[in-house]
PDB file of N, CA and C in Angstrom:
ATOM      1  N   MET A   1      12.283  -7.014  -4.338  1.00  0.00           N
ATOM      2  CA  MET A   1      12.382  -6.018  -4.022  1.00  0.00           C
ATOM      3  C   MET A   1      12.082  -6.392  -2.426  1.00  0.00           C
ATOM      4  N   SER A   2      12.341  -5.596  -1.510  1.00  0.00           N
ATOM      5  CA  SER A   2      12.617  -5.355   0.499  1.00  0.00           C
ATOM      6  C   SER A   2      11.956  -4.545   0.598  1.00  0.00           C
ATOM      7  N   ASP A   3      10.549  -4.671   1.715  1.00  0.00           N
ATOM      8  CA  ASP A   3      10.174  -3.259   2.165  1.00  0.00           C
ATOM      9  C   ASP A   3      11.418  -3.408   3.674  1.00  0.00           C
ATOM     10  N   LEU A   4      11.167  -2.303   4.587  1.00  0.00           N
ATOM     11  CA  LEU A   4      11.808  -1.723   5.386  1.00  0.00           C
ATOM     12  C   LEU A   4      12.626  -2.537   6.429  1.00  0.00           C
ATOM     13  N   ASN A   5      12.401  -3.458   6.890  1.00  0.00           N
ATOM     14  CA  ASN A   5      12.640  -4.497   7.478  1.00  0.00           C
ATOM     15  C   ASN A   5      13.371  -5.991   6.742  1.00  0.00           C
ATOM     16  N   GLY A   6      13.324  -5.099   5.766  1.00  0.00           N
ATOM     17  CA  GLY A   6      14.899  -6.703   4.507  1.00  0.00           C
ATOM     18  C   GLY A   6      14.251  -7.216   4.467  1.00  0.00           C
ATOM     19  N   ASN A   7      12.275  -7.900   4.482  1.00  0.00           N
ATOM     20  CA  ASN A   7      11.579  -8.879   4.377  1.00  0.00           C
ATOM     21  C   ASN A   7      11.756  -8.687   2.583  1.00  0.00           C
ATOM     22  N   HIS A   8      11.688 -10.034   2.132  1.00  0.00           N
ATOM     23  CA  HIS A   8      11.056  -9.897   0.556  1.00  0.00           C
ATOM     24  C   HIS A   8       9.484  -9.752  -0.035  1.00  0.00           C
ATOM     25  N   VAL A   9       9.942  -8.945  -0.345  1.00  0.00           N
ATOM     26  CA  VAL A   9       7.935  -8.039  -1.271  1.00  0.00           C
ATOM     27  C   VAL A   9       7.683  -8.514  -2.848  1.00  0.00           C
ATOM     28  N   ALA A  10       6.687  -8.970  -2.934  1.00  0.00           N
ATOM     29  CA  ALA A  10       6.480  -9.469  -4.491  1.00  0.00           C
ATOM     30  C   ALA A  10       6.724  -7.943  -5.661  1.00  0.00           C
ATOM     31  N   HIS A  11       6.502  -8.481  -6.798  1.00  0.00           N
ATOM     32  CA  HIS A  11       6.970  -6.896  -6.937  1.00  0.00           C
ATOM     33  C   HIS A  11       4.857  -6.799  -7.423  1.00  0.00           C
ATOM     34  N   VAL A  12       4.271  -6.721  -6.621  1.00  0.00           N
ATOM     35  CA  VAL A  12       2.868  -6.750  -7.777  1.00  0.00           C
ATOM     36  C   VAL A  12       2.496  -5.067  -7.717  1.00  0.00           C
ATOM     37  N   LEU A  13       2.857  -4.128  -7.265  1.00  0.00           N
ATOM     38  CA  LEU A  13       1.943  -2.767  -7.133  1.00  0.00           C
ATOM     39  C   LEU A  13       2.624  -2.426  -8.527  1.00  0.00           C
ATOM     40  N   ASP A  14       2.194  -1.693  -9.197  1.00  0.00           N
ATOM     41  CA  ASP A  14       2.124  -0.308  -9.809  1.00  0.00           C
ATOM     42  C   ASP A  14       2.133   0.552  -9.461  1.00  0.00           C
ATOM     43  N   PRO A  15       3.635   1.484  -9.424  1.00  0.00           N
ATOM     44  CA  PRO A  15       3.992   2.303  -9.111  1.00  0.00           C
ATOM     45  C   PRO A  15       2.724   4.413  -9.117  1.00  0.00           C
ATOM     46  N   GLN A  16       2.436   3.781 -10.628  1.00  0.00           N
ATOM     47  CA  GLN A  16       1.349   4.719 -10.795  1.00  0.00           C
ATOM     48  C   GLN A  16       0.229   5.049 -10.516  1.00  0.00           C
ATOM     49  N   GLU A  17       0.170   3.804 -10.027  1.00  0.00           N
ATOM     50  CA  GLU A  17      -1.667   3.599  -9.036  1.00  0.00           C
ATOM     51  C   GLU A  17      -1.567   3.730  -8.089  1.00  0.00           C
ATOM     52  N   VAL A  18      -0.758   3.305  -6.824  1.00  0.00           N
ATOM     53  CA  VAL A  18       0.016   4.214  -5.856  1.00  0.00           C
ATOM     54  C   VAL A  18      -0.075   5.610  -5.813  1.00  0.00           C
ATOM     55  N   PHE A  19       0.759   6.412  -6.262  1.00  0.00           N
ATOM     56  CA  PHE A  19       0.546   7.379  -6.212  1.00  0.00           C
ATOM     57  C   PHE A  19      -0.054   7.856  -6.803  1.00  0.00           C
ATOM     58  N   GLU A  20      -1.494   7.828  -7.953  1.00  0.00           N
ATOM     59  CA  GLU A  20      -2.986   7.915  -8.165  1.00  0.00           C
ATOM     60  C   GLU A  20      -3.534   8.175  -6.583  1.00  0.00           C
ATOM     61  N   ALA A  21      -3.468   6.702  -6.178  1.00  0.00           N
ATOM     62  CA  ALA A  21      -4.089   6.388  -4.377  1.00  0.00           C
ATOM     63  C   ALA A  21      -3.913   7.477  -3.139  1.00  0.00           C
ATOM     64  N   ALA A  22      -1.855   7.759  -3.719  1.00  0.00           N
ATOM     65  CA  ALA A  22      -2.283   9.020  -2.417  1.00  0.00           C
ATOM     66  C   ALA A  22      -2.631  10.144  -2.872  1.00  0.00           C
ATOM     67  N   GLU A  23      -2.879  10.439  -3.484  1.00  0.00           N
ATOM     68  CA  GLU A  23      -3.294  11.592  -3.410  1.00  0.00           C
ATOM     69  C   GLU A  23      -4.598  11.960  -3.803  1.00  0.00           C
ATOM     70  N   ALA A  24      -4.894  10.733  -4.327  1.00  0.00           N
ATOM     71  CA  ALA A  24      -6.535  10.929  -4.111  1.00  0.00           C
ATOM     72  C   ALA A  24      -6.694  11.020  -2.412  1.00  0.00           C
ATOM     73  N   THR A  25      -6.143  10.324  -1.582  1.00  0.00           N
ATOM     74  CA  THR A  25      -6.236  10.351  -0.647  1.00  0.00           C
ATOM     75  C   THR A  25      -5.705  10.991   0.274  1.00  0.00           C
ATOM     76  N   MET A  26      -4.561  12.567  -0.330  1.00  0.00           N
ATOM     77  CA  MET A  26      -4.365  13.295   0.193  1.00  0.00           C
ATOM     78  C   MET A  26      -5.376  14.527   0.511  1.00  0.00           C
ATOM     79  N   PHE A  27      -5.820  14.796  -1.172  1.00  0.00           N
ATOM     80  CA  PHE A  27      -6.637  15.045  -1.309  1.00  0.00           C
ATOM     81  C   PHE A  27      -8.227  15.286  -1.954  1.00  0.00           C
ATOM     82  N   GLY A  28      -8.435  14.743  -1.722  1.00  0.00           N
ATOM     83  CA  GLY A  28     -10.113  13.889  -1.952  1.00  0.00           C
ATOM     84  C   GLY A  28      -9.985  12.784  -0.524  1.00  0.00           C
ATOM     85  N   MET A  29     -11.527  12.168  -0.901  1.00  0.00           N
ATOM     86  CA  MET A  29     -12.397  10.803  -0.413  1.00  0.00           C
ATOM     87  C   MET A  29     -12.533  10.298  -0.367  1.00  0.00           C
ATOM     88  N   GLU A  30     -10.199   9.699  -0.938  1.00  0.00           N
ATOM     89  CA  GLU A  30     -10.397   7.673  -0.689  1.00  0.00           C
ATOM     90  C   GLU A  30      -9.406   7.636   0.464  1.00  0.00           C
ATOM     91  N   ASN A  31      -9.369   6.884   0.851  1.00  0.00           N
ATOM     92  CA  ASN A  31      -8.483   6.084   1.993  1.00  0.00           C
ATOM     93  C   ASN A  31      -7.973   4.830   1.242  1.00  0.00           C
ATOM     94  N   LEU A  32      -7.657   4.663   0.377  1.00  0.00           N
ATOM     95  CA  LEU A  32      -6.645   3.300  -0.682  1.00  0.00           C
ATOM     96  C   LEU A  32      -5.151   2.758   0.461  1.00  0.00           C
ATOM     97  N   GLY A  33      -5.478   1.499   0.616  1.00  0.00           N
ATOM     98  CA  GLY A  33      -4.294   0.936   0.400  1.00  0.00           C
ATOM     99  C   GLY A  33      -3.770   0.145   0.279  1.00  0.00           C
ATOM    100  N   PHE A  34      -2.885  -0.597   0.247  1.00  0.00           N
ATOM    101  CA  PHE A  34      -2.314  -2.227  -0.449  1.00  0.00           C
ATOM    102  C   PHE A  34      -1.945  -2.307   0.090  1.00  0.00           C
ATOM    103  N   CYS A  35      -1.895  -4.205  -0.300  1.00  0.00           N
ATOM    104  CA  CYS A  35      -1.132  -5.582   0.377  1.00  0.00           C
ATOM    105  C   CYS A  35       0.028  -5.220  -0.470  1.00  0.00           C
ATOM    106  N   ILE A  36       1.087  -5.307  -0.084  1.00  0.00           N
ATOM    107  CA  ILE A  36       2.766  -5.688  -0.768  1.00  0.00           C
ATOM    108  C   ILE A  36       3.179  -6.528  -0.999  1.00  0.00           C
ATOM    109  N   ASP A  37       1.745  -7.782  -0.755  1.00  0.00           N
ATOM    110  CA  ASP A  37       2.293  -9.402  -0.910  1.00  0.00           C
ATOM    111  C   ASP A  37       1.505  -9.822  -2.054  1.00  0.00           C
ATOM    112  N   CYS A  38       0.082  -9.426  -1.788  1.00  0.00           N
ATOM    113  CA  CYS A  38      -0.456  -9.931  -3.207  1.00  0.00           C
ATOM    114  C   CYS A  38      -1.227  -8.903  -3.704  1.00  0.00           C
ATOM    115  N   GLY A  39      -1.026  -7.567  -3.641  1.00  0.00           N
ATOM    116  CA  GLY A  39      -1.232  -6.555  -4.488  1.00  0.00           C
ATOM    117  C   GLY A  39      -2.685  -6.026  -4.375  1.00  0.00           C
ATOM    118  N   ALA A  40      -3.733  -6.828  -3.033  1.00  0.00           N
ATOM    119  CA  ALA A  40      -4.948  -6.923  -3.607  1.00  0.00           C
ATOM    120  C   ALA A  40      -4.780  -5.045  -2.865  1.00  0.00           C
ATOM    121  N   GLU A  41      -6.102  -4.166  -3.412  1.00  0.00           N
ATOM    122  CA  GLU A  41      -6.709  -3.080  -3.207  1.00  0.00           C
ATOM    123  C   GLU A  41      -7.444  -2.927  -1.839  1.00  0.00           C
ATOM    124  N   HIS A  42      -7.069  -2.365  -1.437  1.00  0.00           N
ATOM    125  CA  HIS A  42      -8.390  -2.080   0.435  1.00  0.00           C
ATOM    126  C   HIS A  42      -8.436  -0.180   0.817  1.00  0.00           C
ATOM    127  N   TYR A  43     -10.538  -0.713   0.488  1.00  0.00           N
ATOM    128  CA  TYR A  43     -10.684   0.879   0.216  1.00  0.00           C
ATOM    129  C   TYR A  43     -11.013   1.256   2.749  1.00  0.00           C
ATOM    130  N   GLY A  44     -10.627   2.247   2.119  1.00  0.00           N
ATOM    131  CA  GLY A  44     -11.193   2.280   4.208  1.00  0.00           C
ATOM    132  C   GLY A  44     -10.058   2.387   5.345  1.00  0.00           C
ATOM    133  N   CYS A  45      -9.115   2.638   4.140  1.00  0.00           N
ATOM    134  CA  CYS A  45      -7.226   1.945   5.036  1.00  0.00           C
ATOM    135  C   CYS A  45      -6.498   3.441   5.445  1.00  0.00           C
ATOM    136  N   GLU A  46      -6.128   3.526   6.192  1.00  0.00           N
ATOM    137  CA  GLU A  46      -5.801   4.913   6.989  1.00  0.00           C
ATOM    138  C   GLU A  46      -4.236   5.036   6.053  1.00  0.00           C
ATOM    139  N   PRO A  47      -4.061   6.760   5.858  1.00  0.00           N
ATOM    140  CA  PRO A  47      -2.901   6.548   5.384  1.00  0.00           C
ATOM    141  C   PRO A  47      -1.912   5.972   5.456  1.00  0.00           C
ATOM    142  N   ASP A  48      -1.719   6.643   6.900  1.00  0.00           N
ATOM    143  CA  ASP A  48      -0.213   5.702   7.696  1.00  0.00           C
ATOM    144  C   ASP A  48      -0.448   4.293   8.202  1.00  0.00           C
ATOM    145  N   ALA A  49      -1.493   3.413   7.330  1.00  0.00           N
ATOM    146  CA  ALA A  49      -1.640   2.187   8.040  1.00  0.00           C
ATOM    147  C   ALA A  49       0.042   1.482   6.958  1.00  0.00           C
ATOM    148  N   ARG A  50      -0.005   0.693   8.361  1.00  0.00           N
ATOM    149  CA  ARG A  50       1.362  -0.294   8.474  1.00  0.00           C
ATOM    150  C   ARG A  50       0.688  -1.486   8.874  1.00  0.00           C
ATOM    151  N   LYS A  51       0.878  -2.509   8.140  1.00  0.00           N
ATOM    152  CA  LYS A  51       1.321  -4.711   8.474  1.00  0.00           C
ATOM    153  C   LYS A  51      -0.328  -4.245   8.821  1.00  0.00           C
ATOM    154  N   TYR A  52      -1.297  -3.812   8.397  1.00  0.00           N
ATOM    155  CA  TYR A  52      -2.362  -4.290   8.379  1.00  0.00           C
ATOM    156  C   TYR A  52      -2.785  -5.699   7.469  1.00  0.00           C
ATOM    157  N   GLU A  53      -3.748  -6.251   8.656  1.00  0.00           N
ATOM    158  CA  GLU A  53      -4.159  -7.812   7.684  1.00  0.00           C
ATOM    159  C   GLU A  53      -5.228  -7.475   6.443  1.00  0.00           C
ATOM    160  N   CYS A  54      -4.173  -8.177   5.455  1.00  0.00           N
ATOM    161  CA  CYS A  54      -4.974  -8.791   4.043  1.00  0.00           C
ATOM    162  C   CYS A  54      -6.282  -9.779   4.071  1.00  0.00           C
ATOM    163  N   GLU A  55      -7.979  -8.464   3.488  1.00  0.00           N
ATOM    164  CA  GLU A  55      -8.819  -9.501   2.954  1.00  0.00           C
ATOM    165  C   GLU A  55      -8.602 -11.120   2.544  1.00  0.00           C
ATOM    166  N   GLU A  56      -7.303 -10.925   1.684  1.00  0.00           N
ATOM    167  CA  GLU A  56      -7.568 -11.469   0.237  1.00  0.00           C
ATOM    168  C   GLU A  56      -6.251 -12.274   0.725  1.00  0.00           C
ATOM    169  N   CYS A  57      -5.100 -12.418   1.352  1.00  0.00           N
ATOM    170  CA  CYS A  57      -4.399 -13.084   1.329  1.00  0.00           C
ATOM    171  C   CYS A  57      -3.524 -13.944   2.788  1.00  0.00           C
ATOM    172  N   GLY A  58      -4.314 -12.822   3.852  1.00  0.00           N
ATOM    173  CA  GLY A  58      -4.215 -13.307   5.269  1.00  0.00           C
ATOM    174  C   GLY A  58      -3.308 -12.265   5.542  1.00  0.00           C
ATOM    175  N   GLU A  59      -2.282 -11.714   4.750  1.00  0.00           N
ATOM    176  CA  GLU A  59      -0.559 -11.610   5.574  1.00  0.00           C
ATOM    177  C   GLU A  59      -0.785 -10.201   5.720  1.00  0.00           C
ATOM    178  N   HIS A  60      -0.135  -9.756   6.973  1.00  0.00           N
ATOM    179  CA  HIS A  60      -0.084  -8.322   7.641  1.00  0.00           C
ATOM    180  C   HIS A  60       0.591  -7.765   6.597  1.00  0.00           C
ATOM    181  N   GLN A  61       0.792  -7.326   6.132  1.00  0.00           N
ATOM    182  CA  GLN A  61       1.183  -6.032   4.824  1.00  0.00           C
ATOM    183  C   GLN A  61       0.816  -5.756   3.774  1.00  0.00           C
ATOM    184  N   VAL A  62      -0.246  -4.153   4.650  1.00  0.00           N
ATOM    185  CA  VAL A  62      -1.543  -3.963   4.150  1.00  0.00           C
ATOM    186  C   VAL A  62      -0.699  -2.451   4.758  1.00  0.00           C
ATOM    187  N   TYR A  63      -0.815  -1.734   3.687  1.00  0.00           N
ATOM    188  CA  TYR A  63       0.005  -0.196   4.338  1.00  0.00           C
ATOM    189  C   TYR A  63      -0.858   1.117   3.098  1.00  0.00           C
ATOM    190  N   GLY A  64      -1.105   1.960   3.780  1.00  0.00           N
ATOM    191  CA  GLY A  64      -2.054   3.488   3.206  1.00  0.00           C
ATOM    192  C   GLY A  64      -0.980   3.743   1.986  1.00  0.00           C
ATOM    193  N   ALA A  65      -1.715   4.344   1.051  1.00  0.00           N
ATOM    194  CA  ALA A  65      -1.263   4.564  -0.338  1.00  0.00           C
ATOM    195  C   ALA A  65       0.216   5.861  -0.301  1.00  0.00           C
ATOM    196  N   PRO A  66      -0.229   6.437   0.633  1.00  0.00           N
ATOM    197  CA  PRO A  66       0.712   7.705   1.206  1.00  0.00           C
ATOM    198  C   PRO A  66       1.920   7.107   1.930  1.00  0.00           C
ATOM    199  N   GLU A  67       1.537   5.986   2.520  1.00  0.00           N
ATOM    200  CA  GLU A  67       2.595   5.649   3.464  1.00  0.00           C
ATOM    201  C   GLU A  67       3.936   4.858   2.581  1.00  0.00           C
ATOM    202  N   LEU A  68       2.878   4.233   1.426  1.00  0.00           N
ATOM    203  CA  LEU A  68       3.844   3.663   0.102  1.00  0.00           C
ATOM    204  C   LEU A  68       5.161   4.640  -0.796  1.00  0.00           C
ATOM    205  N   VAL A  69       4.189   5.959  -0.623  1.00  0.00           N
ATOM    206  CA  VAL A  69       5.119   6.449  -1.450  1.00  0.00           C
ATOM    207  C   VAL A  69       6.027   7.186  -0.623  1.00  0.00           C
ATOM    208  N   ILE A  70       6.417   7.456   0.549  1.00  0.00           N
ATOM    209  CA  ILE A  70       6.824   7.204   1.586  1.00  0.00           C
ATOM    210  C   ILE A  70       8.412   6.186   1.527  1.00  0.00           C
ATOM    211  N   MET A  71       7.512   4.689   1.670  1.00  0.00           N
ATOM    212  CA  MET A  71       8.354   3.874   1.590  1.00  0.00           C
ATOM    213  C   MET A  71       9.218   3.609  -0.424  1.00  0.00           C
ATOM    214  N   GLY A  72       8.794   4.119  -0.999  1.00  0.00           N
ATOM    215  CA  GLY A  72       9.514   4.570  -1.975  1.00  0.00           C
ATOM    216  C   GLY A  72       9.006   2.740  -2.934  1.00  0.00           C
ATOM    217  N   PHE A  73       7.823   3.027  -2.831  1.00  0.00           N
ATOM    218  CA  PHE A  73       6.446   2.688  -4.438  1.00  0.00           C
ATOM    219  C   PHE A  73       5.952   2.961  -4.905  1.00  0.00           C
ATOM    220  N   ALA A  74       6.580   4.428  -4.916  1.00  0.00           N
ATOM    221  CA  ALA A  74       5.469   5.067  -6.064  1.00  0.00           C
ATOM    222  C   ALA A  74       7.017   5.701  -7.074  1.00  0.00           C
ATOM    223  N   GLY A  75       6.458   6.203  -8.121  1.00  0.00           N
ATOM    224  CA  GLY A  75       8.075   6.602  -8.937  1.00  0.00           C
ATOM    225  C   GLY A  75       7.375   8.013  -9.254  1.00  0.00           C
TER     226      GLY A  75
END
């Protein structure tokens, strides 16, 4: 799988989990994001976050859950 820039990304995210996190962000008080490199969850992540640094793996591949839905990571 590739991101919008054509970079290879590991297939580590569950599409249903991303969708549910996006719903929680849009309609609740959660602000979840995910690293598309290692799959780590990030709390307090802005919905439109792009390329934030991952606290787990150090890569700049953290995106807000709603942003991931727009990018096609949720089914």
